[in-house]
Amino acid sequence: MSEIARRSNYRPALATIKQRIQTYRSRAALAVNAEFLNQPTVEAIESELAQGNGGLPSND
């Protein structure tokens, strides 16, 4: 066993780091999902194209 693994604070510190990584991963996934939900749908883009707006949403 290595010297680092023998130290009494190694396991709690590693558990803390793993928990922080999991928390940051979850936050990142939620942020990505929220951004996807804010994107226009294909139908909305096609509708805007059909109205001659170049696929850009109108400010109505």
Protein backbone atom coordinates (compact mmCIF):
# COMPACT_ATOMS: atom_id res chain seq x y z
CA MET A 1 0.00 0.00 0.00
CA SER A 2 1.37 3.41 -0.89
CA GLU A 3 2.15 6.09 1.66
CA ILE A 4 -0.74 8.26 0.39
CA ALA A 5 -3.28 5.47 0.85
CA ARG A 6 -2.11 4.91 4.46
CA ARG A 7 -2.90 8.46 5.55
CA SER A 8 -6.09 8.70 7.57
CA ASN A 9 -7.51 11.64 5.59
CA TYR A 10 -7.01 10.08 2.14
CA ARG A 11 -10.33 8.23 1.85
CA PRO A 12 -12.53 11.10 3.11
CA ALA A 13 -10.70 13.53 0.83
CA LEU A 14 -11.15 11.22 -2.15
CA ALA A 15 -14.84 10.77 -1.34
CA THR A 16 -15.24 14.56 -1.20
CA ILE A 17 -13.55 14.99 -4.57
CA LYS A 18 -15.71 12.29 -6.14
CA GLN A 19 -18.87 13.91 -4.75
CA ARG A 20 -17.85 17.32 -6.12
CA ILE A 21 -17.19 15.83 -9.55
CA GLN A 22 -20.60 14.15 -9.53
CA THR A 23 -22.26 17.40 -8.48
CA TYR A 24 -20.54 19.36 -11.27
CA ARG A 25 -21.46 16.68 -13.83
CA SER A 26 -25.10 16.84 -12.76
CA ARG A 27 -25.13 20.63 -12.95
CA ALA A 28 -23.55 20.55 -16.40
CA ALA A 29 -26.11 18.01 -17.64
CA LEU A 30 -28.97 20.12 -16.30
CA ALA A 31 -27.56 23.24 -17.96
CA VAL A 32 -27.24 21.44 -21.31
CA ASN A 33 -30.79 20.09 -21.05
CA ALA A 34 -32.14 23.54 -20.19
CA GLU A 35 -30.38 24.99 -23.22
CA PHE A 36 -31.86 22.30 -25.47
CA LEU A 37 -35.32 23.12 -24.16
CA ASN A 38 -34.82 26.76 -25.15
CA GLN A 39 -34.02 25.85 -28.76
CA PRO A 40 -36.68 26.25 -31.44
CA THR A 41 -38.19 23.07 -32.82
CA VAL A 42 -37.76 21.97 -36.41
CA GLU A 43 -41.42 22.79 -37.00
CA ALA A 44 -40.94 26.34 -35.71
CA ILE A 45 -37.93 26.88 -37.96
CA GLU A 46 -39.78 25.49 -40.98
CA SER A 47 -42.71 27.77 -40.21
CA GLU A 48 -40.43 30.80 -40.03
CA LEU A 49 -38.80 29.78 -43.33
CA ALA A 50 -42.24 29.44 -44.94
CA GLN A 51 -43.10 32.96 -43.76
CA GLY A 52 -39.95 34.30 -45.41
CA ASN A 53 -38.07 35.15 -42.23
CA GLY A 54 -34.97 33.16 -43.16
CA GLY A 55 -35.52 30.72 -40.32
CA LEU A 56 -35.13 33.38 -37.69
CA PRO A 57 -37.82 33.76 -35.06
CA SER A 58 -39.89 36.89 -35.37
CA ASN A 59 -40.07 39.40 -32.53
CA ASP A 60 -43.88 39.51 -32.54
